[in-house]
Amino acid sequence: MPLTEERKQEIAKSLKRCSDETLEAALRFEETRNLDELPVIILGVLQRDAAKPKPEGMVAATDDCRLMEDIGMDSFGMIEVVMTAEEVLGITVANQEMNDIRTLGHLKAFLRTKLTA
């Protein structure tokens, strides 16, 4: 289904301060629902919301990277990630669902599961 201008603006607002690449991936995802776009979206949002971003940025991030210790997220940043995921991906995430997510790989798997449920 084609994206409305209103929905494009909603996604752009949710992803403000994210890279153009992140926004473009989110817009493609909205149109196609192709889960291959998910990693770019996740990394872009994490990059934006990291409280203590690492100098190498998200380029070096692997699925084994711990969200807090290795990527530099804090609890406020994780709340921002959840809110953005709900707005951009159209899912609902309960606070307790995030309690066991410790690594980038866990976050990716969790979001994929939510999107295919």
PDB file of N, CA and C in Angstrom:
ATOM      1  N   MET A   1       0.842  -1.179   0.000  1.00  0.00           N
ATOM      2  CA  MET A   1       0.000   0.000   0.000  1.00  0.00           C
ATOM      3  C   MET A   1       0.888   1.243   0.000  1.00  0.00           C
ATOM      4  N   PRO A   2       0.581   2.224  -0.846  1.00  0.00           N
ATOM      5  CA  PRO A   2       1.414   3.423  -0.916  1.00  0.00           C
ATOM      6  C   PRO A   2       1.358   4.217   0.390  1.00  0.00           C
ATOM      7  N   LEU A   3       2.471   4.820   0.697  1.00  0.00           N
ATOM      8  CA  LEU A   3       2.573   5.643   1.904  1.00  0.00           C
ATOM      9  C   LEU A   3       1.876   6.972   1.703  1.00  0.00           C
ATOM     10  N   THR A   4       1.108   7.390   2.689  1.00  0.00           N
ATOM     11  CA  THR A   4       0.518   8.719   2.628  1.00  0.00           C
ATOM     12  C   THR A   4       1.563   9.736   3.073  1.00  0.00           C
ATOM     13  N   GLU A   5       1.373  10.941   2.670  1.00  0.00           N
ATOM     14  CA  GLU A   5       2.288  12.016   3.079  1.00  0.00           C
ATOM     15  C   GLU A   5       2.248  12.182   4.597  1.00  0.00           C
ATOM     16  N   GLU A   6       1.076  12.010   5.186  1.00  0.00           N
ATOM     17  CA  GLU A   6       0.936  12.127   6.636  1.00  0.00           C
ATOM     18  C   GLU A   6       1.775  11.062   7.350  1.00  0.00           C
ATOM     19  N   ARG A   7       1.713   9.838   6.868  1.00  0.00           N
ATOM     20  CA  ARG A   7       2.487   8.754   7.488  1.00  0.00           C
ATOM     21  C   ARG A   7       3.978   8.988   7.301  1.00  0.00           C
ATOM     22  N   LYS A   8       4.392   9.475   6.142  1.00  0.00           N
ATOM     23  CA  LYS A   8       5.805   9.802   5.917  1.00  0.00           C
ATOM     24  C   LYS A   8       6.272  10.831   6.938  1.00  0.00           C
ATOM     25  N   GLN A   9       5.436  11.836   7.189  1.00  0.00           N
ATOM     26  CA  GLN A   9       5.787  12.877   8.153  1.00  0.00           C
ATOM     27  C   GLN A   9       5.856  12.321   9.578  1.00  0.00           C
ATOM     28  N   GLU A  10       4.954  11.412   9.922  1.00  0.00           N
ATOM     29  CA  GLU A  10       4.972  10.774  11.246  1.00  0.00           C
ATOM     30  C   GLU A  10       6.284  10.011  11.450  1.00  0.00           C
ATOM     31  N   ILE A  11       6.671   9.246  10.435  1.00  0.00           N
ATOM     32  CA  ILE A  11       7.904   8.466  10.532  1.00  0.00           C
ATOM     33  C   ILE A  11       9.110   9.393  10.620  1.00  0.00           C
ATOM     34  N   ALA A  12       9.126  10.433   9.801  1.00  0.00           N
ATOM     35  CA  ALA A  12      10.242  11.384   9.833  1.00  0.00           C
ATOM     36  C   ALA A  12      10.341  12.062  11.192  1.00  0.00           C
ATOM     37  N   LYS A  13       9.208  12.404  11.776  1.00  0.00           N
ATOM     38  CA  LYS A  13       9.210  13.031  13.109  1.00  0.00           C
ATOM     39  C   LYS A  13       9.755  12.064  14.165  1.00  0.00           C
ATOM     40  N   SER A  14       9.339  10.809  14.093  1.00  0.00           N
ATOM     41  CA  SER A  14       9.805   9.803  15.056  1.00  0.00           C
ATOM     42  C   SER A  14      11.305   9.548  14.925  1.00  0.00           C
ATOM     43  N   LEU A  15      11.823   9.730  13.713  1.00  0.00           N
ATOM     44  CA  LEU A  15      13.235   9.443  13.450  1.00  0.00           C
ATOM     45  C   LEU A  15      14.084  10.704  13.327  1.00  0.00           C
ATOM     46  N   LYS A  16      13.585  11.834  13.835  1.00  0.00           N
ATOM     47  CA  LYS A  16      14.384  13.055  13.748  1.00  0.00           C
ATOM     48  C   LYS A  16      15.723  12.830  14.457  1.00  0.00           C
ATOM     49  N   ARG A  17      16.745  13.435  13.914  1.00  0.00           N
ATOM     50  CA  ARG A  17      18.133  13.296  14.368  1.00  0.00           C
ATOM     51  C   ARG A  17      18.745  11.946  13.987  1.00  0.00           C
ATOM     52  N   CYS A  18      17.998  11.078  13.305  1.00  0.00           N
ATOM     53  CA  CYS A  18      18.570   9.841  12.770  1.00  0.00           C
ATOM     54  C   CYS A  18      19.131  10.149  11.387  1.00  0.00           C
ATOM     55  N   SER A  19      19.973   9.253  10.902  1.00  0.00           N
ATOM     56  CA  SER A  19      20.566   9.446   9.578  1.00  0.00           C
ATOM     57  C   SER A  19      19.507   9.332   8.485  1.00  0.00           C
ATOM     58  N   ASP A  20      19.830   9.902   7.320  1.00  0.00           N
ATOM     59  CA  ASP A  20      18.953   9.761   6.153  1.00  0.00           C
ATOM     60  C   ASP A  20      18.773   8.294   5.795  1.00  0.00           C
ATOM     61  N   GLU A  21      19.836   7.514   5.959  1.00  0.00           N
ATOM     62  CA  GLU A  21      19.781   6.077   5.673  1.00  0.00           C
ATOM     63  C   GLU A  21      18.732   5.387   6.551  1.00  0.00           C
ATOM     64  N   THR A  22      18.670   5.780   7.821  1.00  0.00           N
ATOM     65  CA  THR A  22      17.698   5.193   8.742  1.00  0.00           C
ATOM     66  C   THR A  22      16.279   5.538   8.309  1.00  0.00           C
ATOM     67  N   LEU A  23      16.055   6.802   7.985  1.00  0.00           N
ATOM     68  CA  LEU A  23      14.730   7.237   7.549  1.00  0.00           C
ATOM     69  C   LEU A  23      14.322   6.525   6.265  1.00  0.00           C
ATOM     70  N   GLU A  24      15.217   6.434   5.310  1.00  0.00           N
ATOM     71  CA  GLU A  24      14.906   5.766   4.045  1.00  0.00           C
ATOM     72  C   GLU A  24      14.559   4.297   4.267  1.00  0.00           C
ATOM     73  N   ALA A  25      15.298   3.621   5.158  1.00  0.00           N
ATOM     74  CA  ALA A  25      15.005   2.215   5.459  1.00  0.00           C
ATOM     75  C   ALA A  25      13.631   2.084   6.106  1.00  0.00           C
ATOM     76  N   ALA A  26      13.287   3.012   6.993  1.00  0.00           N
ATOM     77  CA  ALA A  26      11.982   2.967   7.663  1.00  0.00           C
ATOM     78  C   ALA A  26      10.847   3.199   6.663  1.00  0.00           C
ATOM     79  N   LEU A  27      11.053   4.113   5.741  1.00  0.00           N
ATOM     80  CA  LEU A  27      10.024   4.364   4.736  1.00  0.00           C
ATOM     81  C   LEU A  27       9.851   3.149   3.812  1.00  0.00           C
ATOM     82  N   ARG A  28      10.975   2.527   3.437  1.00  0.00           N
ATOM     83  CA  ARG A  28      10.882   1.308   2.619  1.00  0.00           C
ATOM     84  C   ARG A  28      10.172   0.200   3.402  1.00  0.00           C
ATOM     85  N   PHE A  29      10.518   0.057   4.686  1.00  0.00           N
ATOM     86  CA  PHE A  29       9.888  -0.961   5.522  1.00  0.00           C
ATOM     87  C   PHE A  29       8.376  -0.739   5.591  1.00  0.00           C
ATOM     88  N   GLU A  30       7.983   0.499   5.767  1.00  0.00           N
ATOM     89  CA  GLU A  30       6.551   0.817   5.860  1.00  0.00           C
ATOM     90  C   GLU A  30       5.808   0.381   4.600  1.00  0.00           C
ATOM     91  N   GLU A  31       6.428   0.537   3.453  1.00  0.00           N
ATOM     92  CA  GLU A  31       5.788   0.164   2.195  1.00  0.00           C
ATOM     93  C   GLU A  31       5.831  -1.333   1.926  1.00  0.00           C
ATOM     94  N   THR A  32       6.955  -1.958   2.253  1.00  0.00           N
ATOM     95  CA  THR A  32       7.156  -3.354   1.853  1.00  0.00           C
ATOM     96  C   THR A  32       7.014  -4.361   2.993  1.00  0.00           C
ATOM     97  N   ARG A  33       7.193  -3.891   4.225  1.00  0.00           N
ATOM     98  CA  ARG A  33       7.237  -4.761   5.422  1.00  0.00           C
ATOM     99  C   ARG A  33       8.367  -5.784   5.315  1.00  0.00           C
ATOM    100  N   ASN A  34       9.401  -5.441   4.574  1.00  0.00           N
ATOM    101  CA  ASN A  34      10.564  -6.306   4.395  1.00  0.00           C
ATOM    102  C   ASN A  34      11.442  -6.217   5.644  1.00  0.00           C
ATOM    103  N   LEU A  35      11.566  -7.324   6.361  1.00  0.00           N
ATOM    104  CA  LEU A  35      12.329  -7.338   7.607  1.00  0.00           C
ATOM    105  C   LEU A  35      13.825  -7.118   7.405  1.00  0.00           C
ATOM    106  N   ASP A  36      14.299  -7.205   6.167  1.00  0.00           N
ATOM    107  CA  ASP A  36      15.711  -6.929   5.899  1.00  0.00           C
ATOM    108  C   ASP A  36      16.065  -5.465   6.164  1.00  0.00           C
ATOM    109  N   GLU A  37      15.073  -4.586   6.225  1.00  0.00           N
ATOM    110  CA  GLU A  37      15.299  -3.169   6.528  1.00  0.00           C
ATOM    111  C   GLU A  37      15.516  -2.932   8.024  1.00  0.00           C
ATOM    112  N   LEU A  38      15.111  -3.883   8.841  1.00  0.00           N
ATOM    113  CA  LEU A  38      15.128  -3.729  10.290  1.00  0.00           C
ATOM    114  C   LEU A  38      16.500  -3.402  10.881  1.00  0.00           C
ATOM    115  N   PRO A  39      17.584  -4.083  10.506  1.00  0.00           N
ATOM    116  CA  PRO A  39      18.882  -3.763  11.110  1.00  0.00           C
ATOM    117  C   PRO A  39      19.307  -2.307  10.928  1.00  0.00           C
ATOM    118  N   VAL A  40      19.072  -1.740   9.766  1.00  0.00           N
ATOM    119  CA  VAL A  40      19.444  -0.337   9.529  1.00  0.00           C
ATOM    120  C   VAL A  40      18.640   0.578  10.439  1.00  0.00           C
ATOM    121  N   ILE A  41      17.359   0.289  10.584  1.00  0.00           N
ATOM    122  CA  ILE A  41      16.491   1.096  11.446  1.00  0.00           C
ATOM    123  C   ILE A  41      16.951   0.995  12.894  1.00  0.00           C
ATOM    124  N   ILE A  42      17.184  -0.226  13.361  1.00  0.00           N
ATOM    125  CA  ILE A  42      17.596  -0.438  14.753  1.00  0.00           C
ATOM    126  C   ILE A  42      18.915   0.266  15.036  1.00  0.00           C
ATOM    127  N   LEU A  43      19.898   0.068  14.188  1.00  0.00           N
ATOM    128  CA  LEU A  43      21.211   0.687  14.419  1.00  0.00           C
ATOM    129  C   LEU A  43      21.121   2.208  14.392  1.00  0.00           C
ATOM    130  N   GLY A  44      20.318   2.750  13.498  1.00  0.00           N
ATOM    131  CA  GLY A  44      20.166   4.199  13.429  1.00  0.00           C
ATOM    132  C   GLY A  44      19.542   4.780  14.684  1.00  0.00           C
ATOM    133  N   VAL A  45      18.531   4.106  15.202  1.00  0.00           N
ATOM    134  CA  VAL A  45      17.866   4.578  16.413  1.00  0.00           C
ATOM    135  C   VAL A  45      18.800   4.433  17.622  1.00  0.00           C
ATOM    136  N   LEU A  46      19.510   3.319  17.712  1.00  0.00           N
ATOM    137  CA  LEU A  46      20.456   3.143  18.810  1.00  0.00           C
ATOM    138  C   LEU A  46      21.553   4.205  18.761  1.00  0.00           C
ATOM    139  N   GLN A  47      22.048   4.486  17.575  1.00  0.00           N
ATOM    140  CA  GLN A  47      23.085   5.512  17.415  1.00  0.00           C
ATOM    141  C   GLN A  47      22.578   6.859  17.937  1.00  0.00           C
ATOM    142  N   ARG A  48      21.350   7.183  17.586  1.00  0.00           N
ATOM    143  CA  ARG A  48      20.772   8.458  18.003  1.00  0.00           C
ATOM    144  C   ARG A  48      20.558   8.524  19.511  1.00  0.00           C
ATOM    145  N   ASP A  49      20.119   7.433  20.114  1.00  0.00           N
ATOM    146  CA  ASP A  49      19.688   7.458  21.503  1.00  0.00           C
ATOM    147  C   ASP A  49      20.720   6.986  22.523  1.00  0.00           C
ATOM    148  N   ALA A  50      21.902   6.604  22.064  1.00  0.00           N
ATOM    149  CA  ALA A  50      22.937   6.157  23.004  1.00  0.00           C
ATOM    150  C   ALA A  50      23.358   7.319  23.902  1.00  0.00           C
ATOM    151  N   ALA A  51      23.369   7.080  25.205  1.00  0.00           N
ATOM    152  CA  ALA A  51      23.770   8.110  26.162  1.00  0.00           C
ATOM    153  C   ALA A  51      25.271   8.337  26.122  1.00  0.00           C
ATOM    154  N   LYS A  52      26.005   7.255  25.939  1.00  0.00           N
ATOM    155  CA  LYS A  52      27.469   7.321  25.890  1.00  0.00           C
ATOM    156  C   LYS A  52      27.935   6.600  24.638  1.00  0.00           C
ATOM    157  N   PRO A  53      27.717   7.229  23.467  1.00  0.00           N
ATOM    158  CA  PRO A  53      28.068   6.535  22.218  1.00  0.00           C
ATOM    159  C   PRO A  53      29.558   6.233  22.134  1.00  0.00           C
ATOM    160  N   LYS A  54      29.854   5.102  21.591  1.00  0.00           N
ATOM    161  CA  LYS A  54      31.248   4.687  21.419  1.00  0.00           C
ATOM    162  C   LYS A  54      31.845   5.429  20.229  1.00  0.00           C
ATOM    163  N   PRO A  55      33.140   5.752  20.294  1.00  0.00           N
ATOM    164  CA  PRO A  55      33.767   6.515  19.202  1.00  0.00           C
ATOM    165  C   PRO A  55      33.639   5.848  17.842  1.00  0.00           C
ATOM    166  N   GLU A  56      33.687   4.531  17.797  1.00  0.00           N
ATOM    167  CA  GLU A  56      33.588   3.832  16.513  1.00  0.00           C
ATOM    168  C   GLU A  56      32.156   3.782  15.994  1.00  0.00           C
ATOM    169  N   GLY A  57      31.203   4.204  16.827  1.00  0.00           N
ATOM    170  CA  GLY A  57      29.807   4.225  16.408  1.00  0.00           C
ATOM    171  C   GLY A  57      29.243   2.831  16.234  1.00  0.00           C
ATOM    172  N   MET A  58      28.162   2.748  15.498  1.00  0.00           N
ATOM    173  CA  MET A  58      27.462   1.482  15.320  1.00  0.00           C
ATOM    174  C   MET A  58      28.091   0.615  14.242  1.00  0.00           C
ATOM    175  N   VAL A  59      29.069   1.153  13.528  1.00  0.00           N
ATOM    176  CA  VAL A  59      29.714   0.398  12.452  1.00  0.00           C
ATOM    177  C   VAL A  59      30.299  -0.908  12.977  1.00  0.00           C
ATOM    178  N   ALA A  60      30.861  -0.867  14.178  1.00  0.00           N
ATOM    179  CA  ALA A  60      31.523  -2.033  14.744  1.00  0.00           C
ATOM    180  C   ALA A  60      30.566  -2.931  15.544  1.00  0.00           C
ATOM    181  N   ALA A  61      29.303  -2.566  15.636  1.00  0.00           N
ATOM    182  CA  ALA A  61      28.362  -3.324  16.458  1.00  0.00           C
ATOM    183  C   ALA A  61      28.044  -4.680  15.835  1.00  0.00           C
ATOM    184  N   THR A  62      28.099  -5.700  16.659  1.00  0.00           N
ATOM    185  CA  THR A  62      27.715  -7.047  16.259  1.00  0.00           C
ATOM    186  C   THR A  62      26.532  -7.485  17.105  1.00  0.00           C
ATOM    187  N   ASP A  63      25.922  -8.584  16.746  1.00  0.00           N
ATOM    188  CA  ASP A  63      24.780  -9.077  17.517  1.00  0.00           C
ATOM    189  C   ASP A  63      25.151  -9.430  18.951  1.00  0.00           C
ATOM    190  N   ASP A  64      26.428  -9.678  19.227  1.00  0.00           N
ATOM    191  CA  ASP A  64      26.862 -10.007  20.585  1.00  0.00           C
ATOM    192  C   ASP A  64      27.088  -8.776  21.453  1.00  0.00           C
ATOM    193  N   CYS A  65      27.064  -7.589  20.862  1.00  0.00           N
ATOM    194  CA  CYS A  65      27.295  -6.361  21.627  1.00  0.00           C
ATOM    195  C   CYS A  65      26.185  -6.160  22.648  1.00  0.00           C
ATOM    196  N   ARG A  66      26.607  -5.861  23.875  1.00  0.00           N
ATOM    197  CA  ARG A  66      25.646  -5.580  24.938  1.00  0.00           C
ATOM    198  C   ARG A  66      25.157  -4.143  24.780  1.00  0.00           C
ATOM    199  N   LEU A  67      23.855  -3.958  24.900  1.00  0.00           N
ATOM    200  CA  LEU A  67      23.259  -2.652  24.657  1.00  0.00           C
ATOM    201  C   LEU A  67      23.796  -1.581  25.603  1.00  0.00           C
ATOM    202  N   MET A  68      23.888  -1.885  26.867  1.00  0.00           N
ATOM    203  CA  MET A  68      24.334  -0.897  27.850  1.00  0.00           C
ATOM    204  C   MET A  68      25.856  -0.746  27.837  1.00  0.00           C
ATOM    205  N   GLU A  69      26.554  -1.841  28.012  1.00  0.00           N
ATOM    206  CA  GLU A  69      27.992  -1.786  28.206  1.00  0.00           C
ATOM    207  C   GLU A  69      28.770  -1.487  26.926  1.00  0.00           C
ATOM    208  N   ASP A  70      28.374  -2.095  25.813  1.00  0.00           N
ATOM    209  CA  ASP A  70      29.148  -1.980  24.574  1.00  0.00           C
ATOM    210  C   ASP A  70      28.644  -0.872  23.643  1.00  0.00           C
ATOM    211  N   ILE A  71      27.343  -0.664  23.618  1.00  0.00           N
ATOM    212  CA  ILE A  71      26.777   0.319  22.698  1.00  0.00           C
ATOM    213  C   ILE A  71      26.592   1.671  23.369  1.00  0.00           C
ATOM    214  N   GLY A  72      26.458   1.676  24.689  1.00  0.00           N
ATOM    215  CA  GLY A  72      26.358   2.936  25.419  1.00  0.00           C
ATOM    216  C   GLY A  72      24.939   3.391  25.717  1.00  0.00           C
ATOM    217  N   MET A  73      23.995   2.462  25.691  1.00  0.00           N
ATOM    218  CA  MET A  73      22.614   2.811  26.008  1.00  0.00           C
ATOM    219  C   MET A  73      22.449   2.938  27.519  1.00  0.00           C
ATOM    220  N   ASP A  74      21.460   3.711  27.932  1.00  0.00           N
ATOM    221  CA  ASP A  74      21.054   3.740  29.329  1.00  0.00           C
ATOM    222  C   ASP A  74      19.546   3.487  29.357  1.00  0.00           C
ATOM    223  N   SER A  75      18.947   3.466  30.540  1.00  0.00           N
ATOM    224  CA  SER A  75      17.532   3.113  30.629  1.00  0.00           C
ATOM    225  C   SER A  75      16.648   4.131  29.913  1.00  0.00           C
ATOM    226  N   PHE A  76      16.992   5.410  29.985  1.00  0.00           N
ATOM    227  CA  PHE A  76      16.202   6.419  29.272  1.00  0.00           C
ATOM    228  C   PHE A  76      16.300   6.195  27.762  1.00  0.00           C
ATOM    229  N   GLY A  77      17.492   5.926  27.270  1.00  0.00           N
ATOM    230  CA  GLY A  77      17.684   5.658  25.842  1.00  0.00           C
ATOM    231  C   GLY A  77      16.885   4.455  25.383  1.00  0.00           C
ATOM    232  N   MET A  78      16.817   3.435  26.220  1.00  0.00           N
ATOM    233  CA  MET A  78      16.046   2.235  25.856  1.00  0.00           C
ATOM    234  C   MET A  78      14.552   2.551  25.788  1.00  0.00           C
ATOM    235  N   ILE A  79      14.078   3.437  26.655  1.00  0.00           N
ATOM    236  CA  ILE A  79      12.677   3.860  26.581  1.00  0.00           C
ATOM    237  C   ILE A  79      12.426   4.572  25.258  1.00  0.00           C
ATOM    238  N   GLU A  80      13.368   5.408  24.850  1.00  0.00           N
ATOM    239  CA  GLU A  80      13.259   6.103  23.564  1.00  0.00           C
ATOM    240  C   GLU A  80      13.232   5.100  22.405  1.00  0.00           C
ATOM    241  N   VAL A  81      14.072   4.075  22.488  1.00  0.00           N
ATOM    242  CA  VAL A  81      14.109   3.047  21.443  1.00  0.00           C
ATOM    243  C   VAL A  81      12.755   2.352  21.345  1.00  0.00           C
ATOM    244  N   VAL A  82      12.173   2.003  22.483  1.00  0.00           N
ATOM    245  CA  VAL A  82      10.877   1.322  22.505  1.00  0.00           C
ATOM    246  C   VAL A  82       9.797   2.225  21.914  1.00  0.00           C
ATOM    247  N   MET A  83       9.779   3.488  22.332  1.00  0.00           N
ATOM    248  CA  MET A  83       8.768   4.417  21.822  1.00  0.00           C
ATOM    249  C   MET A  83       8.909   4.598  20.312  1.00  0.00           C
ATOM    250  N   THR A  84      10.136   4.701  19.846  1.00  0.00           N
ATOM    251  CA  THR A  84      10.369   4.852  18.403  1.00  0.00           C
ATOM    252  C   THR A  84       9.933   3.599  17.660  1.00  0.00           C
ATOM    253  N   ALA A  85      10.247   2.426  18.204  1.00  0.00           N
ATOM    254  CA  ALA A  85       9.834   1.171  17.559  1.00  0.00           C
ATOM    255  C   ALA A  85       8.314   1.098  17.448  1.00  0.00           C
ATOM    256  N   GLU A  86       7.635   1.501  18.503  1.00  0.00           N
ATOM    257  CA  GLU A  86       6.174   1.474  18.461  1.00  0.00           C
ATOM    258  C   GLU A  86       5.637   2.426  17.387  1.00  0.00           C
ATOM    259  N   GLU A  87       6.211   3.622  17.318  1.00  0.00           N
ATOM    260  CA  GLU A  87       5.731   4.625  16.362  1.00  0.00           C
ATOM    261  C   GLU A  87       6.082   4.265  14.918  1.00  0.00           C
ATOM    262  N   VAL A  88       7.305   3.812  14.696  1.00  0.00           N
ATOM    263  CA  VAL A  88       7.777   3.574  13.330  1.00  0.00           C
ATOM    264  C   VAL A  88       7.360   2.203  12.805  1.00  0.00           C
ATOM    265  N   LEU A  89       7.447   1.191  13.647  1.00  0.00           N
ATOM    266  CA  LEU A  89       7.176  -0.175  13.196  1.00  0.00           C
ATOM    267  C   LEU A  89       5.729  -0.606  13.414  1.00  0.00           C
ATOM    268  N   GLY A  90       4.986   0.188  14.193  1.00  0.00           N
ATOM    269  CA  GLY A  90       3.586  -0.133  14.416  1.00  0.00           C
ATOM    270  C   GLY A  90       3.360  -1.322  15.320  1.00  0.00           C
ATOM    271  N   ILE A  91       4.209  -1.458  16.333  1.00  0.00           N
ATOM    272  CA  ILE A  91       4.059  -2.559  17.291  1.00  0.00           C
ATOM    273  C   ILE A  91       3.796  -1.984  18.675  1.00  0.00           C
ATOM    274  N   THR A  92       3.416  -2.840  19.599  1.00  0.00           N
ATOM    275  CA  THR A  92       3.254  -2.461  20.997  1.00  0.00           C
ATOM    276  C   THR A  92       4.231  -3.287  21.812  1.00  0.00           C
ATOM    277  N   VAL A  93       4.969  -2.602  22.690  1.00  0.00           N
ATOM    278  CA  VAL A  93       5.963  -3.277  23.522  1.00  0.00           C
ATOM    279  C   VAL A  93       5.667  -2.949  24.981  1.00  0.00           C
ATOM    280  N   ALA A  94       5.425  -3.980  25.771  1.00  0.00           N
ATOM    281  CA  ALA A  94       5.227  -3.788  27.208  1.00  0.00           C
ATOM    282  C   ALA A  94       6.585  -3.632  27.884  1.00  0.00           C
ATOM    283  N   ASN A  95       6.633  -2.800  28.911  1.00  0.00           N
ATOM    284  CA  ASN A  95       7.897  -2.543  29.611  1.00  0.00           C
ATOM    285  C   ASN A  95       8.595  -3.826  30.051  1.00  0.00           C
ATOM    286  N   GLN A  96       7.846  -4.770  30.590  1.00  0.00           N
ATOM    287  CA  GLN A  96       8.456  -6.004  31.089  1.00  0.00           C
ATOM    288  C   GLN A  96       9.056  -6.846  29.971  1.00  0.00           C
ATOM    289  N   GLU A  97       8.591  -6.664  28.736  1.00  0.00           N
ATOM    290  CA  GLU A  97       9.148  -7.414  27.611  1.00  0.00           C
ATOM    291  C   GLU A  97      10.602  -7.027  27.349  1.00  0.00           C
ATOM    292  N   MET A  98      10.979  -5.828  27.701  1.00  0.00           N
ATOM    293  CA  MET A  98      12.337  -5.341  27.443  1.00  0.00           C
ATOM    294  C   MET A  98      13.334  -5.775  28.520  1.00  0.00           C
ATOM    295  N   ASN A  99      12.847  -6.283  29.625  1.00  0.00           N
ATOM    296  CA  ASN A  99      13.721  -6.611  30.764  1.00  0.00           C
ATOM    297  C   ASN A  99      14.838  -7.589  30.445  1.00  0.00           C
ATOM    298  N   ASP A 100      14.600  -8.542  29.576  1.00  0.00           N
ATOM    299  CA  ASP A 100      15.597  -9.574  29.294  1.00  0.00           C
ATOM    300  C   ASP A 100      16.438  -9.284  28.048  1.00  0.00           C
ATOM    301  N   ILE A 101      16.211  -8.169  27.422  1.00  0.00           N
ATOM    302  CA  ILE A 101      16.956  -7.842  26.204  1.00  0.00           C
ATOM    303  C   ILE A 101      18.252  -7.152  26.596  1.00  0.00           C
ATOM    304  N   ARG A 102      19.359  -7.856  26.369  1.00  0.00           N
ATOM    305  CA  ARG A 102      20.667  -7.350  26.795  1.00  0.00           C
ATOM    306  C   ARG A 102      21.610  -7.062  25.627  1.00  0.00           C
ATOM    307  N   THR A 103      21.393  -7.724  24.488  1.00  0.00           N
ATOM    308  CA  THR A 103      22.327  -7.565  23.376  1.00  0.00           C
ATOM    309  C   THR A 103      21.595  -7.067  22.121  1.00  0.00           C
ATOM    310  N   LEU A 104      22.377  -6.613  21.181  1.00  0.00           N
ATOM    311  CA  LEU A 104      21.831  -6.174  19.904  1.00  0.00           C
ATOM    312  C   LEU A 104      21.103  -7.327  19.217  1.00  0.00           C
ATOM    313  N   GLY A 105      21.678  -8.507  19.272  1.00  0.00           N
ATOM    314  CA  GLY A 105      21.040  -9.682  18.673  1.00  0.00           C
ATOM    315  C   GLY A 105      19.699  -9.992  19.306  1.00  0.00           C
ATOM    316  N   HIS A 106      19.618  -9.880  20.639  1.00  0.00           N
ATOM    317  CA  HIS A 106      18.341 -10.108  21.328  1.00  0.00           C
ATOM    318  C   HIS A 106      17.306  -9.081  20.877  1.00  0.00           C
ATOM    319  N   LEU A 107      17.734  -7.819  20.750  1.00  0.00           N
ATOM    320  CA  LEU A 107      16.811  -6.761  20.331  1.00  0.00           C
ATOM    321  C   LEU A 107      16.294  -7.025  18.920  1.00  0.00           C
ATOM    322  N   LYS A 108      17.182  -7.378  18.008  1.00  0.00           N
ATOM    323  CA  LYS A 108      16.770  -7.677  16.636  1.00  0.00           C
ATOM    324  C   LYS A 108      15.776  -8.842  16.608  1.00  0.00           C
ATOM    325  N   ALA A 109      16.096  -9.919  17.331  1.00  0.00           N
ATOM    326  CA  ALA A 109      15.212 -11.092  17.348  1.00  0.00           C
ATOM    327  C   ALA A 109      13.857 -10.756  17.952  1.00  0.00           C
ATOM    328  N   PHE A 110      13.877  -9.978  19.023  1.00  0.00           N
ATOM    329  CA  PHE A 110      12.634  -9.590  19.686  1.00  0.00           C
ATOM    330  C   PHE A 110      11.740  -8.803  18.722  1.00  0.00           C
ATOM    331  N   LEU A 111      12.310  -7.815  18.032  1.00  0.00           N
ATOM    332  CA  LEU A 111      11.520  -6.992  17.116  1.00  0.00           C
ATOM    333  C   LEU A 111      11.017  -7.813  15.934  1.00  0.00           C
ATOM    334  N   ARG A 112      11.851  -8.717  15.419  1.00  0.00           N
ATOM    335  CA  ARG A 112      11.393  -9.587  14.331  1.00  0.00           C
ATOM    336  C   ARG A 112      10.200 -10.433  14.767  1.00  0.00           C
ATOM    337  N   THR A 113      10.274 -10.964  15.987  1.00  0.00           N
ATOM    338  CA  THR A 113       9.185 -11.771  16.530  1.00  0.00           C
ATOM    339  C   THR A 113       7.922 -10.948  16.653  1.00  0.00           C
ATOM    340  N   LYS A 114       8.050  -9.726  17.158  1.00  0.00           N
ATOM    341  CA  LYS A 114       6.884  -8.847  17.310  1.00  0.00           C
ATOM    342  C   LYS A 114       6.244  -8.536  15.952  1.00  0.00           C
ATOM    343  N   LEU A 115       7.083  -8.353  14.952  1.00  0.00           N
ATOM    344  CA  LEU A 115       6.586  -7.976  13.632  1.00  0.00           C
ATOM    345  C   LEU A 115       5.978  -9.143  12.862  1.00  0.00           C
ATOM    346  N   THR A 116       6.327 -10.353  13.221  1.00  0.00           N
ATOM    347  CA  THR A 116       5.788 -11.510  12.514  1.00  0.00           C
ATOM    348  C   THR A 116       4.680 -12.199  13.281  1.00  0.00           C
ATOM    349  N   ALA A 117       4.381 -11.705  14.460  1.00  0.00           N
ATOM    350  CA  ALA A 117       3.325 -12.320  15.297  1.00  0.00           C
ATOM    351  C   ALA A 117       1.946 -11.999  14.770  1.00  0.00           C
TER     352      ALA A 117
END
